[in-house]
Protein backbone atom coordinates (compact mmCIF):
# COMPACT_ATOMS: atom_id res chain seq x y z
CA MET A 1 49.61 22.49 -21.64
CA SER A 2 53.32 22.49 -20.76
CA TYR A 3 54.34 22.29 -17.13
CA ARG A 4 55.91 25.22 -15.25
CA HIS A 5 58.21 24.49 -12.32
CA PRO A 6 57.91 26.96 -9.44
CA ASP A 7 60.21 29.96 -9.36
CA PHE A 8 61.48 29.58 -5.80
CA ALA A 9 63.11 33.02 -5.77
CA ALA A 10 59.90 34.73 -6.91
CA LEU A 11 58.01 32.82 -4.21
CA GLY A 12 60.44 34.13 -1.58
CA LEU A 13 61.83 30.67 -0.91
CA SER A 14 65.49 31.22 -1.81
CA GLY A 15 66.44 31.13 1.84
CA ALA A 16 63.82 28.63 2.99
CA ARG A 17 64.97 26.11 5.55
CA GLU A 18 65.36 22.49 4.61
CA CYS A 19 62.65 20.00 5.43
CA ARG A 20 62.93 18.32 8.82
CA PHE A 21 62.82 14.52 8.97
CA GLU A 22 62.25 12.34 12.03
CA THR A 23 62.55 8.59 12.39
CA ALA A 24 59.53 6.32 12.40
CA PRO A 25 59.32 4.80 15.93
CA LYS A 26 58.21 1.39 14.62
CA ASP A 27 56.81 -0.30 11.53
CA GLN A 28 53.61 1.29 10.18
CA THR A 29 53.86 4.13 12.71
CA LEU A 30 54.72 7.75 11.92
CA PRO A 31 56.45 10.43 13.98
CA ASP A 32 54.26 13.21 15.34
CA GLY A 33 53.79 16.11 12.95
CA PHE A 34 54.23 13.95 9.82
CA MET A 35 53.15 15.36 6.47
CA SER A 36 50.39 13.68 4.46
CA THR A 37 50.89 14.01 0.72
CA THR A 38 48.47 15.27 -1.93
CA ASN A 39 48.28 14.32 -5.62
CA PHE A 40 49.78 17.66 -6.72
CA PRO A 41 53.46 18.05 -7.72
CA THR A 42 55.44 18.39 -4.49
CA TYR A 43 58.93 19.79 -3.92
CA VAL A 44 61.02 19.03 -0.86
CA HIS A 45 64.03 21.11 0.18
CA VAL A 46 66.63 18.52 1.12
CA GLY A 47 70.36 18.11 0.52
CA GLY A 48 70.66 21.69 -0.69
CA ASP A 49 68.09 21.29 -3.50
CA TRP A 50 64.35 21.42 -4.08
CA ARG A 51 63.55 17.87 -5.18
CA MET A 52 60.45 16.01 -6.35
CA PRO A 53 59.86 12.60 -4.74
CA GLU A 54 59.53 9.27 -6.51
CA MET A 55 56.21 7.39 -6.71
CA PRO A 56 53.87 10.34 -5.96
CA ARG A 57 50.33 9.77 -4.70
CA MET A 58 47.92 11.21 -2.15
CA ASP A 59 47.48 10.11 1.48
CA SER A 60 51.05 8.92 1.85
CA HIS A 61 54.32 10.17 3.33
CA LEU A 62 57.69 11.61 2.28
CA VAL A 63 60.67 9.42 3.19
CA TRP A 64 64.30 10.47 2.74
CA ASP A 65 67.22 8.03 2.54
CA PRO A 66 70.49 9.99 2.80
CA THR A 67 72.62 6.90 2.08
CA THR A 68 71.08 6.39 -1.38
CA GLY A 69 69.90 9.96 -1.98
CA ARG A 70 66.36 8.73 -2.66
CA LEU A 71 63.30 10.76 -1.77
CA GLN A 72 60.19 8.59 -1.98
CA VAL A 73 56.49 8.72 -1.29
CA LYS A 74 55.62 5.73 0.88
CA GLU A 75 52.20 4.46 1.88
CA PHE A 76 51.46 4.18 5.59
CA ARG A 77 51.59 0.39 5.54
CA LEU A 78 55.08 0.43 3.96
CA ILE A 79 56.70 2.64 6.62
CA LYS A 80 59.50 0.82 8.44
CA LYS A 81 61.03 1.53 11.83
CA GLY A 82 63.85 4.01 11.39
CA ASP A 83 62.57 5.53 8.13
CA LEU A 84 63.23 9.27 7.96
CA VAL A 85 59.77 10.78 7.53
CA ALA A 86 59.12 14.42 6.58
CA VAL A 87 57.70 16.46 9.43
CA ALA A 88 55.85 19.56 8.21
CA THR A 89 52.46 21.15 8.63
CA ALA A 90 52.78 23.94 6.05
CA GLU A 91 52.66 23.27 2.30
CA ASP A 92 53.85 26.71 1.14
CA GLY A 93 57.58 25.93 1.26
CA SER A 94 58.22 27.69 4.57
CA GLU A 95 58.92 24.35 6.24
CA GLY A 96 60.80 22.87 3.30
CA VAL A 97 57.79 21.35 1.52
CA LEU A 98 56.00 23.08 -1.37
CA VAL A 99 52.80 21.64 -2.83
CA TRP A 100 52.68 23.24 -6.29
CA THR A 101 49.11 23.62 -7.57
CA ARG A 102 49.87 26.02 -10.43
CA GLY A 103 52.15 23.95 -12.63
CA PHE A 104 49.63 23.46 -15.41
CA GLU A 105 48.03 26.90 -15.25
CA ASP A 106 48.52 29.26 -18.17
CA GLU A 107 50.19 32.34 -16.69
CA ASN A 108 49.05 34.39 -19.72
CA ASP A 109 45.38 33.52 -19.23
CA VAL A 110 43.73 36.73 -18.07
CA THR A 111 40.13 35.50 -18.36
CA GLY A 112 38.08 35.40 -15.20
CA VAL A 113 35.12 33.41 -14.03
CA GLU A 114 31.91 35.36 -14.47
CA ALA A 115 29.71 35.84 -11.46
CA PHE A 116 26.74 34.66 -13.50
CA SER A 117 26.90 32.11 -16.29
CA PHE A 118 25.02 29.16 -17.74
CA MET A 119 26.34 25.58 -17.80
CA ALA A 120 28.77 26.40 -14.99
CA SER A 121 28.76 23.01 -13.24
CA GLU A 122 31.87 20.90 -13.74
CA VAL A 123 29.94 17.73 -14.57
CA SER A 124 26.67 17.64 -16.48
CA ARG A 125 25.03 15.41 -19.07
CA GLU A 126 24.02 18.63 -20.84
CA LYS A 127 27.56 19.86 -21.44
CA PRO A 128 29.28 18.93 -24.71
CA VAL A 129 32.15 16.43 -24.64
CA ASN A 130 35.25 17.17 -26.70
CA TYR A 131 35.55 13.67 -28.12
CA GLU A 132 38.08 14.80 -30.72
CA ALA A 133 40.52 15.67 -27.94
CA ILE A 134 39.86 12.31 -26.27
CA PHE A 135 40.61 10.42 -29.49
CA ASP A 136 43.81 12.43 -29.98
CA LEU A 137 44.89 11.58 -26.43
CA PHE A 138 44.29 7.89 -27.06
CA ARG A 139 46.52 7.99 -30.12
CA GLU A 140 49.17 10.04 -28.32
CA ASN A 141 49.29 7.69 -25.34
CA ARG A 142 49.25 4.59 -27.50
CA ALA A 143 52.88 5.39 -28.44
CA HIS A 144 55.82 3.71 -26.74
CA GLN A 145 56.08 6.34 -24.00
CA GLY A 146 52.39 6.10 -23.06
CA TYR A 147 50.70 3.78 -20.59
CA ILE A 148 46.90 3.68 -20.90
CA LEU A 149 45.26 2.24 -17.82
CA TRP A 150 41.62 1.11 -17.93
CA VAL A 151 39.46 0.73 -14.83
CA ILE A 152 36.26 -1.10 -15.71
CA GLY A 153 33.17 -2.42 -13.94
CA PRO A 154 30.79 -5.29 -14.74
CA ALA A 155 28.21 -2.90 -16.21
CA LEU A 156 30.52 -2.63 -19.21
CA VAL A 157 30.12 -6.37 -19.82
CA HIS A 158 26.36 -6.35 -19.20
CA ALA A 159 25.88 -3.31 -21.44
CA ARG A 160 27.57 -5.10 -24.35
CA GLY A 161 30.61 -2.89 -24.37
CA ARG A 162 32.53 -6.16 -24.17
CA GLU A 163 33.27 -6.48 -27.91
CA ALA A 164 34.45 -2.88 -28.15
CA MET A 165 36.70 -3.34 -25.10
CA GLU A 166 38.15 -6.44 -26.71
CA TRP A 167 38.99 -4.36 -29.82
CA VAL A 168 40.60 -1.65 -27.67
CA ILE A 169 42.88 -4.23 -26.04
CA ARG A 170 43.85 -6.00 -29.25
CA ASN A 171 44.69 -2.72 -30.97
CA GLY A 172 47.09 -1.35 -28.39
CA TYR A 173 44.85 1.20 -26.66
CA ALA A 174 45.02 -0.59 -23.30
CA HIS A 175 48.35 -1.24 -21.60
CA CYS A 176 46.74 -2.58 -18.44
CA VAL A 177 43.24 -3.28 -17.07
CA LEU A 178 42.31 -2.97 -13.40
CA THR A 179 39.01 -4.49 -12.36
CA GLY A 180 37.35 -6.93 -9.99
CA ASN A 181 36.29 -10.55 -9.87
CA ALA A 182 32.87 -9.82 -11.39
CA VAL A 183 34.24 -8.59 -14.74
CA GLY A 184 36.31 -11.74 -15.09
CA VAL A 185 33.39 -13.98 -14.14
CA HIS A 186 30.80 -12.37 -16.40
CA ASP A 187 33.21 -12.11 -19.32
CA VAL A 188 33.99 -15.83 -19.06
CA GLU A 189 30.27 -16.56 -18.71
CA ALA A 190 29.58 -14.61 -21.90
CA ALA A 191 32.36 -16.46 -23.74
CA LEU A 192 31.11 -19.88 -22.63
CA TYR A 193 27.33 -19.46 -22.54
CA GLY A 194 26.47 -16.22 -24.35
CA SER A 195 24.95 -14.58 -21.28
CA THR A 196 25.92 -12.37 -18.34
CA LEU A 197 24.13 -13.18 -15.09
CA GLY A 198 21.79 -15.22 -17.26
CA MET A 199 20.90 -12.31 -19.59
CA ARG A 200 21.40 -12.84 -23.32
CA ALA A 201 22.70 -10.20 -25.73
CA ASP A 202 19.13 -9.33 -26.74
CA GLY A 203 18.31 -8.46 -23.12
CA LEU A 204 16.11 -11.51 -22.53
CA GLY A 205 16.71 -14.02 -19.78
CA GLU A 206 18.01 -17.52 -20.35
CA ALA A 207 16.22 -20.46 -18.72
CA PHE A 208 18.07 -21.33 -15.50
CA GLY A 209 20.53 -18.57 -16.43
CA HIS A 210 20.93 -17.50 -12.81
CA ALA A 211 23.43 -20.34 -12.40
CA ALA A 212 25.48 -19.60 -15.53
CA HIS A 213 28.06 -17.43 -13.78
CA MET A 214 28.61 -20.15 -11.17
CA ARG A 215 29.11 -22.70 -13.93
CA ALA A 216 31.61 -20.32 -15.54
CA ILE A 217 33.59 -20.10 -12.29
CA ASN A 218 33.55 -23.89 -12.04
CA GLU A 219 34.95 -24.26 -15.57
CA VAL A 220 37.81 -21.92 -14.69
CA LYS A 221 38.44 -23.86 -11.47
CA LYS A 222 38.53 -27.14 -13.41
CA ALA A 223 41.07 -25.68 -15.85
CA GLY A 224 43.12 -24.15 -13.03
CA SER A 225 43.02 -20.55 -14.26
CA ILE A 226 41.43 -18.23 -16.80
CA ALA A 227 44.67 -18.35 -18.80
CA ALA A 228 44.57 -22.15 -18.87
CA LEU A 229 40.96 -22.09 -20.08
CA VAL A 230 41.89 -19.58 -22.80
CA ASN A 231 44.92 -21.60 -23.87
CA SER A 232 42.82 -24.77 -24.03
CA GLY A 233 40.67 -23.17 -26.72
CA ALA A 234 37.49 -23.33 -24.63
CA ILE A 235 37.30 -19.51 -24.63
CA LYS A 236 37.72 -17.81 -27.98
CA THR A 237 36.33 -14.30 -27.41
CA GLY A 238 36.04 -11.59 -24.79
CA ILE A 239 38.01 -9.25 -22.60
CA MET A 240 39.95 -11.93 -20.71
CA HIS A 241 40.81 -13.73 -23.96
CA ALA A 242 42.07 -10.47 -25.47
CA LEU A 243 44.15 -9.62 -22.39
CA ILE A 244 45.77 -13.03 -22.16
CA SER A 245 46.36 -13.57 -25.88
CA SER A 246 47.73 -10.01 -26.26
CA ASN A 247 49.96 -10.27 -23.16
CA VAL A 248 48.32 -7.22 -21.60
CA PRO A 249 48.62 -7.24 -17.79
CA TYR A 250 45.53 -7.07 -15.61
CA VAL A 251 44.66 -7.11 -11.93
CA LEU A 252 41.47 -8.68 -10.56
CA ALA A 253 41.07 -7.25 -7.05
CA GLY A 254 38.70 -9.18 -4.83
CA SER A 255 35.97 -7.98 -2.50
CA ILE A 256 33.84 -9.41 0.27
CA ARG A 257 30.92 -10.00 -2.11
CA ASP A 258 32.77 -12.09 -4.72
CA ASP A 259 31.47 -15.42 -5.99
CA GLY A 260 34.14 -18.07 -6.37
CA PRO A 261 36.39 -16.22 -6.60
CA LEU A 262 38.38 -16.89 -9.76
CA PRO A 263 41.91 -18.27 -9.22
CA GLU A 264 43.50 -15.06 -10.57
CA THR A 265 41.49 -12.82 -8.22
CA ILE A 266 43.68 -11.36 -5.47
CA THR A 267 41.68 -11.71 -2.27
CA ASP A 268 44.18 -10.02 0.05
CA ALA A 269 43.32 -6.29 -0.04
CA LEU A 270 46.88 -5.09 0.60
CA GLU A 271 48.32 -7.49 -1.97
CA ALA A 272 45.73 -6.29 -4.50
CA GLN A 273 46.55 -2.67 -3.71
CA ALA A 274 50.26 -3.32 -4.28
CA ALA A 275 49.55 -5.05 -7.60
CA MET A 276 47.40 -2.13 -8.75
CA ARG A 277 49.97 0.42 -7.57
CA ALA A 278 52.62 -1.17 -9.79
CA HIS A 279 50.53 -0.03 -12.76
CA THR A 280 49.05 3.26 -11.51
CA SER A 281 52.61 4.52 -10.97
CA ARG A 282 53.25 4.07 -14.71
CA ALA A 283 49.99 5.56 -15.99
CA THR A 284 49.99 8.44 -18.48
CA MET A 285 46.25 8.13 -19.22
CA VAL A 286 43.50 6.57 -17.12
CA VAL A 287 40.02 5.68 -18.38
CA MET A 288 37.47 4.72 -15.73
CA VAL A 289 34.24 3.17 -16.98
CA ALA A 290 31.19 2.22 -14.88
CA SER A 291 32.99 1.32 -11.67
CA ALA A 292 32.53 3.47 -8.58
CA LEU A 293 34.60 1.55 -6.04
CA HIS A 294 37.49 0.69 -8.34
CA SER A 295 37.55 4.18 -9.81
CA ILE A 296 37.83 5.85 -6.41
CA ALA A 297 40.47 3.32 -5.29
CA VAL A 298 42.58 3.92 -8.40
CA GLY A 299 42.04 7.68 -8.18
CA ASN A 300 43.52 7.63 -4.68
CA MET A 301 46.65 5.95 -6.06
CA LEU A 302 47.18 8.51 -8.82
CA ALA A 303 49.16 11.72 -8.87
CA THR A 304 47.93 14.51 -11.15
CA TYR A 305 51.12 14.23 -13.18
CA CYS A 306 53.68 11.81 -14.57
CA THR A 307 57.32 12.16 -15.59
CA ALA A 308 58.26 11.19 -19.14
CA PRO A 309 61.52 9.33 -19.93
CA ASP A 310 63.01 12.64 -21.12
CA GLY A 311 62.33 14.18 -17.71
CA SER A 312 59.43 16.38 -18.80
CA ILE A 313 56.33 16.56 -16.62
CA ARG A 314 52.83 16.20 -18.02
CA GLU A 315 49.32 15.83 -16.68
CA ILE A 316 47.83 12.36 -16.39
CA THR A 317 44.71 12.41 -18.53
CA THR A 318 41.94 11.02 -16.29
CA ILE A 319 38.55 10.29 -17.85
CA CYS A 320 35.62 8.99 -15.82
CA VAL A 321 32.66 7.56 -17.76
CA ASP A 322 29.33 6.83 -16.10
CA GLN A 323 25.64 7.20 -16.92
CA THR A 324 25.09 9.64 -14.04
CA GLU A 325 26.96 12.65 -12.69
CA PHE A 326 27.14 11.02 -9.26
CA LEU A 327 30.25 8.89 -9.84
CA VAL A 328 32.31 11.72 -11.33
CA SER A 329 31.32 14.06 -8.50
CA LYS A 330 32.10 11.36 -5.92
CA LEU A 331 35.51 10.76 -7.51
CA LYS A 332 36.33 14.47 -7.38
CA ASP A 333 35.12 14.69 -3.78
CA ARG A 334 37.56 11.91 -2.88
CA GLY A 335 40.50 13.96 -4.17
CA THR A 336 40.76 13.06 -7.87
CA HIS A 337 39.95 16.64 -8.87
CA GLN A 338 41.63 16.26 -12.28
CA ALA A 339 39.07 13.71 -13.49
CA PHE A 340 37.12 14.75 -16.59
CA GLY A 341 33.56 13.45 -16.63
CA VAL A 342 31.79 11.88 -19.59
CA VAL A 343 28.14 11.26 -18.71
CA THR A 344 26.96 8.44 -20.94
CA ASN A 345 26.55 4.67 -20.76
CA ALA A 346 29.49 2.30 -21.06
CA GLN A 347 28.37 0.67 -24.30
CA ASP A 348 27.96 3.96 -26.18
CA PHE A 349 31.32 5.30 -25.03
CA LEU A 350 33.25 2.14 -25.86
CA ARG A 351 31.55 1.72 -29.21
CA LEU A 352 32.28 5.33 -30.17
CA VAL A 353 35.93 4.92 -29.15
CA GLN A 354 36.21 1.77 -31.23
CA LEU A 355 34.59 3.26 -34.34
CA GLU A 356 36.56 6.52 -34.27
CA LEU A 357 39.95 5.00 -33.48
CA SER A 358 39.55 2.25 -36.06
CA ALA A 359 38.63 4.87 -38.69
CA ARG A 360 41.79 6.84 -37.91
CA GLY A 361 44.04 3.79 -38.22
């Protein structure tokens, strides 16, 4: 659906006052009355115009630099003493800030929601999934203007979606992968020993397999990095091999429960957040598979929209795949209301994507 900018005259905002900005009193400290951003398109009345800020995301703040003419969204931790921060409590434009929630609505749609209906819940394993539309979106975002971001959890590796994910990467349907230490560890373990957490592909346990992931970490440590192990020829398959050999960027964000961790894992939370943000700000399509914590973290970094090189605005397709409704509902409850839920297991989803996209060329 095409995007509609607000008609400021029709909204009675032709004579609205400009947004007020106050200086941040010190680093990582905001002036009283600061505005906290949402993930909806936002317009700020400044310098005689209604302008949209750069780098949109929720739970951040509007910063104006009159010397450069830049209007940015800055995270709390990036606020510097002296920054001019938007001060507004209203989001209806009356204080110079308009949060526009109707940009992707069809103004000609006169249908209404019935008081009584079946299958009315947003997320349900019983509702049909329009896979044809998903496949079309993959092909559309594979083009040079698209940036498909994958957020994946270790269940994808355990569930044997690993081979399908490898195909997705090698065939240009992943421009970046965001994940944690565990995916890297278990993928390397599978490449070296044919198991994940000691479980073979047939679902049976391997003798003394509980130590296999630790041995995998040790092999990476001996080589110096996952990339070095791949380049040595010791690893010939898997997600990490596909990422490195295809020059697809990835971020392994660490957590308090990590084993090792791997040399590439970023253990500083703020550093990891910054590395992830460099990619979420480019996303035109996001696919989240079997990862609650990473999915919610990435969702909080996303706007609902992106701006194409030609200046047009479009929705960021956000798909959340999990075997229960819980994760999709949790993601929506944390503000990523645009997420579309696919209730199925990781292996089935990835395999279907691989088969359908390979058939379409």
